[in-house]
């Protein structure tokens, strides 16, 4: 089973929010960041990494087929 990732600090979560263009209200920011940290820590249970066999079959390839 995959190991849960370590917790992100608030600055990293704020940076992710800024990158996505999300600005939570000041009075709700701390709770928003805490909830995001909990969600990010749970993602490994919700969607584990895919194997190559689970990827879509119609992918682009630069290798020529004979």
N, C-alpha and C. Protein backbone atom coordinates (compact mmCIF):
# COMPACT_ATOMS: atom_id res chain seq x y z
N UNK A 1 0.84 -1.18 0.00
CA UNK A 1 0.00 0.00 0.00
C UNK A 1 0.88 1.24 0.00
N UNK A 2 0.43 2.28 -0.68
CA UNK A 2 1.23 3.51 -0.69
C UNK A 2 1.26 4.15 0.69
N UNK A 3 2.38 4.77 0.97
CA UNK A 3 2.53 5.46 2.24
C UNK A 3 1.94 6.86 2.12
N UNK A 4 1.27 7.35 3.17
CA UNK A 4 0.72 8.69 3.11
C UNK A 4 1.82 9.73 3.04
N UNK A 5 1.62 10.76 2.24
CA UNK A 5 2.65 11.80 2.14
C UNK A 5 2.72 12.61 3.43
N UNK A 6 3.83 13.29 3.59
CA UNK A 6 3.96 14.14 4.76
C UNK A 6 3.09 15.38 4.59
N UNK A 7 2.75 15.98 5.68
CA UNK A 7 1.89 17.16 5.67
C UNK A 7 2.62 18.35 5.04
N UNK A 8 1.91 19.11 4.24
CA UNK A 8 2.47 20.32 3.66
C UNK A 8 2.34 21.47 4.66
N UNK A 9 3.26 22.42 4.58
CA UNK A 9 3.09 23.57 5.45
C UNK A 9 2.16 24.58 4.78
N UNK A 10 1.68 25.53 5.55
CA UNK A 10 0.69 26.48 5.07
C UNK A 10 1.20 27.26 3.86
N UNK A 11 2.48 27.60 3.82
CA UNK A 11 3.03 28.37 2.70
C UNK A 11 2.92 27.60 1.38
N UNK A 12 3.15 26.28 1.43
CA UNK A 12 3.04 25.48 0.21
C UNK A 12 1.59 25.40 -0.26
N UNK A 13 0.67 25.26 0.68
CA UNK A 13 -0.75 25.20 0.30
C UNK A 13 -1.21 26.56 -0.23
N UNK A 14 -0.79 27.65 0.40
CA UNK A 14 -1.12 28.99 -0.10
C UNK A 14 -0.60 29.16 -1.52
N UNK A 15 0.61 28.68 -1.79
CA UNK A 15 1.19 28.79 -3.13
C UNK A 15 0.36 28.02 -4.14
N UNK A 16 -0.12 26.84 -3.77
CA UNK A 16 -0.98 26.07 -4.68
C UNK A 16 -2.28 26.81 -4.96
N UNK A 17 -2.85 27.41 -3.92
CA UNK A 17 -4.07 28.18 -4.10
C UNK A 17 -3.83 29.37 -5.02
N UNK A 18 -2.74 30.10 -4.79
CA UNK A 18 -2.43 31.26 -5.64
C UNK A 18 -2.23 30.84 -7.08
N UNK A 19 -1.52 29.73 -7.28
CA UNK A 19 -1.27 29.23 -8.63
C UNK A 19 -2.60 28.90 -9.34
N UNK A 20 -3.57 28.42 -8.58
CA UNK A 20 -4.88 28.09 -9.14
C UNK A 20 -5.80 29.32 -9.22
N UNK A 21 -5.35 30.45 -8.68
CA UNK A 21 -6.16 31.66 -8.72
C UNK A 21 -7.24 31.70 -7.65
N UNK A 22 -7.05 30.95 -6.57
CA UNK A 22 -8.03 30.88 -5.48
C UNK A 22 -7.55 31.76 -4.33
N UNK A 23 -8.40 32.68 -3.90
CA UNK A 23 -8.08 33.55 -2.77
C UNK A 23 -9.21 33.42 -1.74
N UNK A 24 -8.97 32.61 -0.69
CA UNK A 24 -10.03 32.46 0.32
C UNK A 24 -10.16 33.73 1.16
N UNK A 25 -11.36 34.02 1.67
CA UNK A 25 -11.54 35.19 2.53
C UNK A 25 -10.63 35.08 3.76
N UNK A 26 -10.16 36.21 4.24
CA UNK A 26 -9.21 36.23 5.36
C UNK A 26 -9.74 35.51 6.58
N UNK A 27 -11.04 35.65 6.86
CA UNK A 27 -11.59 35.02 8.06
C UNK A 27 -11.74 33.50 7.92
N UNK A 28 -11.61 32.99 6.70
CA UNK A 28 -11.75 31.55 6.48
C UNK A 28 -10.47 30.91 5.96
N UNK A 29 -9.44 31.68 5.79
CA UNK A 29 -8.21 31.18 5.16
C UNK A 29 -7.58 30.04 5.95
N UNK A 30 -7.42 30.20 7.24
CA UNK A 30 -6.76 29.17 8.04
C UNK A 30 -7.50 27.84 7.97
N UNK A 31 -8.82 27.87 8.11
CA UNK A 31 -9.61 26.64 8.01
C UNK A 31 -9.54 26.03 6.62
N UNK A 32 -9.50 26.89 5.61
CA UNK A 32 -9.40 26.41 4.23
C UNK A 32 -8.08 25.68 4.01
N UNK A 33 -7.00 26.26 4.52
CA UNK A 33 -5.68 25.64 4.35
C UNK A 33 -5.59 24.33 5.14
N UNK A 34 -6.18 24.29 6.31
CA UNK A 34 -6.18 23.05 7.10
C UNK A 34 -6.98 21.96 6.40
N UNK A 35 -8.12 22.33 5.83
CA UNK A 35 -8.93 21.35 5.09
C UNK A 35 -8.20 20.85 3.86
N UNK A 36 -7.52 21.75 3.16
CA UNK A 36 -6.76 21.36 1.98
C UNK A 36 -5.63 20.41 2.36
N UNK A 37 -4.98 20.67 3.48
CA UNK A 37 -3.91 19.79 3.95
C UNK A 37 -4.45 18.40 4.25
N UNK A 38 -5.61 18.32 4.89
CA UNK A 38 -6.22 17.03 5.19
C UNK A 38 -6.61 16.29 3.91
N UNK A 39 -7.16 17.02 2.95
CA UNK A 39 -7.54 16.39 1.68
C UNK A 39 -6.31 15.88 0.93
N UNK A 40 -5.27 16.69 0.86
CA UNK A 40 -4.06 16.26 0.17
C UNK A 40 -3.43 15.05 0.84
N UNK A 41 -3.53 14.98 2.16
CA UNK A 41 -2.99 13.83 2.88
C UNK A 41 -3.82 12.57 2.63
N UNK A 42 -5.07 12.72 2.21
CA UNK A 42 -5.96 11.57 1.98
C UNK A 42 -5.99 11.10 0.53
N UNK A 43 -5.42 11.87 -0.38
CA UNK A 43 -5.53 11.53 -1.80
C UNK A 43 -4.96 10.17 -2.15
N UNK A 44 -3.94 9.72 -1.44
CA UNK A 44 -3.35 8.42 -1.77
C UNK A 44 -4.36 7.29 -1.53
N UNK A 45 -5.33 7.49 -0.66
CA UNK A 45 -6.36 6.48 -0.43
C UNK A 45 -7.46 6.60 -1.48
N UNK A 46 -7.73 7.81 -1.93
CA UNK A 46 -8.82 8.03 -2.88
C UNK A 46 -8.46 7.61 -4.30
N UNK A 47 -7.24 7.88 -4.70
CA UNK A 47 -6.81 7.55 -6.05
C UNK A 47 -5.34 7.17 -6.05
N UNK A 48 -5.08 5.88 -5.91
CA UNK A 48 -3.68 5.44 -5.90
C UNK A 48 -3.06 5.63 -7.29
N UNK A 49 -1.75 5.63 -7.37
CA UNK A 49 -1.08 5.78 -8.68
C UNK A 49 -1.52 4.69 -9.65
N UNK A 50 -1.63 5.06 -10.91
CA UNK A 50 -2.05 4.10 -11.93
C UNK A 50 -0.86 3.34 -12.48
N UNK A 51 -1.13 2.13 -12.89
CA UNK A 51 -0.11 1.36 -13.60
C UNK A 51 -0.23 1.69 -15.08
N UNK A 52 0.75 1.28 -15.86
CA UNK A 52 0.71 1.53 -17.30
C UNK A 52 -0.50 0.87 -17.94
N UNK A 53 -0.92 -0.27 -17.43
CA UNK A 53 -2.06 -0.99 -17.99
C UNK A 53 -3.38 -0.25 -17.77
N UNK A 54 -3.42 0.63 -16.76
CA UNK A 54 -4.65 1.35 -16.46
C UNK A 54 -4.78 2.65 -17.26
N UNK A 55 -3.75 3.01 -17.98
CA UNK A 55 -3.78 4.24 -18.77
C UNK A 55 -4.62 4.04 -20.04
N UNK A 56 -5.14 5.13 -20.60
CA UNK A 56 -5.94 5.02 -21.83
C UNK A 56 -5.13 4.39 -22.97
N UNK A 57 -5.82 3.66 -23.80
CA UNK A 57 -5.12 2.96 -24.88
C UNK A 57 -4.76 3.88 -26.05
N UNK A 58 -5.47 4.95 -26.24
CA UNK A 58 -5.23 5.85 -27.37
C UNK A 58 -4.29 6.97 -26.96
N UNK A 59 -3.03 6.64 -26.80
CA UNK A 59 -2.04 7.65 -26.43
C UNK A 59 -1.15 7.93 -27.61
N UNK A 60 -0.60 9.11 -27.64
CA UNK A 60 0.28 9.53 -28.71
C UNK A 60 1.67 8.95 -28.46
N UNK A 61 2.31 8.46 -29.48
CA UNK A 61 3.65 7.90 -29.38
C UNK A 61 4.52 8.43 -30.48
N UNK A 62 5.75 8.77 -30.14
CA UNK A 62 6.70 9.24 -31.15
C UNK A 62 7.47 8.08 -31.80
N UNK A 63 7.30 6.89 -31.28
CA UNK A 63 7.98 5.72 -31.82
C UNK A 63 7.18 5.18 -32.98
N UNK A 64 7.86 4.96 -34.10
CA UNK A 64 7.18 4.43 -35.28
C UNK A 64 6.94 2.93 -35.11
N UNK A 65 5.78 2.50 -35.53
CA UNK A 65 5.45 1.08 -35.49
C UNK A 65 5.71 0.48 -36.86
N UNK A 66 6.19 -0.76 -36.88
CA UNK A 66 6.47 -1.44 -38.15
C UNK A 66 5.21 -1.92 -38.80
